Amino acid sequence: MRIEVKKIGNSTGLILPKELMHRLKLHQGDWLDVTEMADGSVKLSPHDPLFEKGMEIAEDAIKRYRNALKTLAK
């Protein structure tokens, strides 16, 4: 499926087809999480507040234990 990047008013956006909205169980006004993948692609998924909280905890742990993680990575 290809989606065109379009000018919408003073902004730029994507218009998602109805079939994709239905498959993702999205409604107008819902939020999407965008994940940048290692290969340069992006992954769109419905926003999950629980996942967001988990990522905040993980990012905090990575910052806090940076030196220990570097040592373990050797």
N, C-alpha and C. Protein backbone atom coordinates (compact mmCIF):
# COMPACT_ATOMS: atom_id res chain seq x y z
N MET A 1 0.85 -1.17 0.00
CA MET A 1 0.00 0.00 0.00
C MET A 1 0.89 1.23 0.00
N ARG A 2 0.61 2.16 -0.87
CA ARG A 2 1.36 3.41 -0.92
C ARG A 2 0.47 4.54 -0.47
N ILE A 3 1.07 5.44 0.32
CA ILE A 3 0.32 6.60 0.82
C ILE A 3 1.13 7.84 0.48
N GLU A 4 0.48 8.83 -0.10
CA GLU A 4 1.15 10.06 -0.50
C GLU A 4 1.24 11.04 0.66
N VAL A 5 2.39 11.70 0.77
CA VAL A 5 2.56 12.79 1.73
C VAL A 5 1.94 14.02 1.08
N LYS A 6 0.97 14.65 1.77
CA LYS A 6 0.22 15.76 1.18
C LYS A 6 0.25 17.00 2.06
N LYS A 7 0.07 18.13 1.42
CA LYS A 7 -0.09 19.38 2.15
C LYS A 7 -1.54 19.43 2.63
N ILE A 8 -1.70 19.66 3.92
CA ILE A 8 -3.03 19.75 4.51
C ILE A 8 -3.08 21.07 5.29
N GLY A 9 -3.69 22.08 4.70
CA GLY A 9 -3.68 23.40 5.32
C GLY A 9 -2.26 23.93 5.34
N ASN A 10 -1.80 24.34 6.53
CA ASN A 10 -0.42 24.83 6.68
C ASN A 10 0.52 23.72 7.12
N SER A 11 0.05 22.48 7.12
CA SER A 11 0.85 21.35 7.59
C SER A 11 1.05 20.35 6.46
N THR A 12 1.79 19.30 6.77
CA THR A 12 1.98 18.18 5.85
C THR A 12 1.52 16.93 6.57
N GLY A 13 0.83 16.05 5.88
CA GLY A 13 0.31 14.87 6.57
C GLY A 13 0.08 13.70 5.63
N LEU A 14 -0.40 12.65 6.21
CA LEU A 14 -0.75 11.42 5.49
C LEU A 14 -2.24 11.20 5.66
N ILE A 15 -2.88 10.77 4.61
CA ILE A 15 -4.29 10.40 4.71
C ILE A 15 -4.34 8.88 4.61
N LEU A 16 -4.84 8.24 5.67
CA LEU A 16 -4.89 6.78 5.71
C LEU A 16 -6.20 6.29 5.11
N PRO A 17 -6.12 5.31 4.22
CA PRO A 17 -7.34 4.75 3.62
C PRO A 17 -8.23 4.09 4.68
N LYS A 18 -9.54 4.07 4.42
CA LYS A 18 -10.50 3.47 5.35
C LYS A 18 -10.14 2.05 5.72
N GLU A 19 -9.71 1.25 4.72
CA GLU A 19 -9.39 -0.16 4.98
C GLU A 19 -8.24 -0.30 5.97
N LEU A 20 -7.25 0.57 5.89
CA LEU A 20 -6.14 0.53 6.83
C LEU A 20 -6.61 0.96 8.22
N MET A 21 -7.42 2.01 8.26
CA MET A 21 -7.97 2.47 9.54
C MET A 21 -8.74 1.34 10.21
N HIS A 22 -9.53 0.62 9.43
CA HIS A 22 -10.32 -0.48 9.97
C HIS A 22 -9.42 -1.60 10.49
N ARG A 23 -8.41 -1.99 9.70
CA ARG A 23 -7.51 -3.08 10.12
C ARG A 23 -6.74 -2.74 11.37
N LEU A 24 -6.35 -1.47 11.52
CA LEU A 24 -5.60 -1.04 12.71
C LEU A 24 -6.51 -0.66 13.87
N LYS A 25 -7.82 -0.73 13.63
CA LYS A 25 -8.81 -0.33 14.65
C LYS A 25 -8.57 1.10 15.12
N LEU A 26 -8.34 1.99 14.15
CA LEU A 26 -8.10 3.40 14.44
C LEU A 26 -9.36 4.21 14.13
N HIS A 27 -9.49 5.31 14.85
CA HIS A 27 -10.58 6.25 14.62
C HIS A 27 -9.98 7.64 14.52
N GLN A 28 -10.70 8.54 13.90
CA GLN A 28 -10.23 9.91 13.78
C GLN A 28 -9.92 10.45 15.18
N GLY A 29 -8.75 11.05 15.33
CA GLY A 29 -8.33 11.60 16.62
C GLY A 29 -7.43 10.67 17.41
N ASP A 30 -7.33 9.38 17.01
CA ASP A 30 -6.42 8.45 17.69
C ASP A 30 -4.97 8.85 17.41
N TRP A 31 -4.07 8.36 18.23
CA TRP A 31 -2.64 8.62 18.07
C TRP A 31 -1.95 7.37 17.56
N LEU A 32 -0.89 7.58 16.77
CA LEU A 32 -0.05 6.49 16.29
C LEU A 32 1.35 6.65 16.86
N ASP A 33 2.00 5.53 17.14
CA ASP A 33 3.41 5.54 17.51
C ASP A 33 4.21 5.27 16.24
N VAL A 34 5.27 6.03 16.04
CA VAL A 34 6.15 5.86 14.88
C VAL A 34 7.48 5.36 15.39
N THR A 35 7.92 4.22 14.88
CA THR A 35 9.19 3.63 15.26
C THR A 35 10.11 3.62 14.06
N GLU A 36 11.29 4.23 14.20
CA GLU A 36 12.28 4.20 13.13
C GLU A 36 13.06 2.89 13.24
N MET A 37 13.08 2.13 12.15
CA MET A 37 13.75 0.84 12.13
C MET A 37 15.20 1.01 11.68
N ALA A 38 16.04 0.02 11.98
CA ALA A 38 17.47 0.08 11.65
C ALA A 38 17.71 0.22 10.16
N ASP A 39 16.83 -0.32 9.34
CA ASP A 39 17.02 -0.28 7.89
C ASP A 39 16.52 1.03 7.25
N GLY A 40 16.09 1.99 8.08
CA GLY A 40 15.62 3.28 7.58
C GLY A 40 14.12 3.35 7.35
N SER A 41 13.43 2.23 7.49
CA SER A 41 11.98 2.24 7.32
C SER A 41 11.32 2.70 8.62
N VAL A 42 10.03 2.92 8.58
CA VAL A 42 9.29 3.30 9.78
C VAL A 42 8.15 2.32 10.01
N LYS A 43 7.80 2.14 11.26
CA LYS A 43 6.70 1.26 11.64
C LYS A 43 5.65 2.13 12.33
N LEU A 44 4.41 2.04 11.88
CA LEU A 44 3.30 2.76 12.50
C LEU A 44 2.47 1.76 13.27
N SER A 45 2.12 2.09 14.50
CA SER A 45 1.26 1.22 15.28
C SER A 45 0.37 2.06 16.18
N PRO A 46 -0.80 1.55 16.53
CA PRO A 46 -1.67 2.31 17.43
C PRO A 46 -0.96 2.62 18.74
N HIS A 47 -1.18 3.80 19.27
CA HIS A 47 -0.53 4.23 20.51
C HIS A 47 -0.93 3.32 21.66
N ASP A 48 0.07 2.90 22.43
CA ASP A 48 -0.14 2.03 23.59
C ASP A 48 0.48 2.71 24.80
N PRO A 49 -0.32 3.32 25.69
CA PRO A 49 0.23 4.03 26.85
C PRO A 49 1.09 3.13 27.74
N LEU A 50 0.75 1.86 27.86
CA LEU A 50 1.52 0.94 28.69
C LEU A 50 2.91 0.73 28.08
N PHE A 51 3.00 0.59 26.77
CA PHE A 51 4.28 0.44 26.10
C PHE A 51 5.11 1.70 26.28
N GLU A 52 4.48 2.87 26.15
CA GLU A 52 5.17 4.15 26.32
C GLU A 52 5.79 4.24 27.71
N LYS A 53 5.06 3.86 28.73
CA LYS A 53 5.57 3.89 30.10
C LYS A 53 6.75 2.94 30.25
N GLY A 54 6.65 1.75 29.65
CA GLY A 54 7.75 0.79 29.70
C GLY A 54 9.00 1.33 29.04
N MET A 55 8.82 2.02 27.91
CA MET A 55 9.97 2.61 27.21
C MET A 55 10.62 3.72 28.04
N GLU A 56 9.81 4.50 28.74
CA GLU A 56 10.36 5.54 29.61
C GLU A 56 11.21 4.91 30.70
N ILE A 57 10.75 3.83 31.29
CA ILE A 57 11.49 3.13 32.33
C ILE A 57 12.79 2.57 31.76
N ALA A 58 12.71 1.96 30.56
CA ALA A 58 13.90 1.39 29.93
C ALA A 58 14.93 2.48 29.62
N GLU A 59 14.49 3.61 29.08
CA GLU A 59 15.40 4.71 28.75
C GLU A 59 16.08 5.24 30.01
N ASP A 60 15.33 5.35 31.10
CA ASP A 60 15.90 5.80 32.37
C ASP A 60 16.96 4.81 32.86
N ALA A 61 16.67 3.52 32.77
CA ALA A 61 17.63 2.50 33.20
C ALA A 61 18.89 2.53 32.34
N ILE A 62 18.73 2.73 31.04
CA ILE A 62 19.89 2.80 30.14
C ILE A 62 20.77 3.98 30.51
N LYS A 63 20.17 5.13 30.80
CA LYS A 63 20.95 6.31 31.21
C LYS A 63 21.64 6.06 32.54
N ARG A 64 20.90 5.52 33.49
CA ARG A 64 21.42 5.32 34.83
C ARG A 64 22.56 4.29 34.86
N TYR A 65 22.44 3.24 34.08
CA TYR A 65 23.42 2.15 34.13
C TYR A 65 24.28 2.09 32.87
N ARG A 66 24.51 3.25 32.23
CA ARG A 66 25.27 3.32 30.99
C ARG A 66 26.64 2.65 31.11
N ASN A 67 27.38 2.98 32.16
CA ASN A 67 28.74 2.42 32.32
C ASN A 67 28.69 0.91 32.50
N ALA A 68 27.77 0.42 33.29
CA ALA A 68 27.66 -1.03 33.51
C ALA A 68 27.28 -1.74 32.20
N LEU A 69 26.41 -1.13 31.43
CA LEU A 69 25.99 -1.73 30.16
C LEU A 69 27.15 -1.76 29.16
N LYS A 70 27.98 -0.70 29.15
CA LYS A 70 29.16 -0.69 28.28
C LYS A 70 30.11 -1.80 28.66
N THR A 71 30.32 -2.00 29.95
CA THR A 71 31.21 -3.07 30.43
C THR A 71 30.65 -4.45 30.04
N LEU A 72 29.37 -4.64 30.22
CA LEU A 72 28.76 -5.93 29.88
C LEU A 72 28.78 -6.20 28.37
N ALA A 73 28.79 -5.15 27.56
CA ALA A 73 28.77 -5.31 26.12
C ALA A 73 30.11 -5.78 25.55
N LYS A 74 31.18 -5.67 26.34
CA LYS A 74 32.52 -6.07 25.87
C LYS A 74 32.65 -7.56 25.78
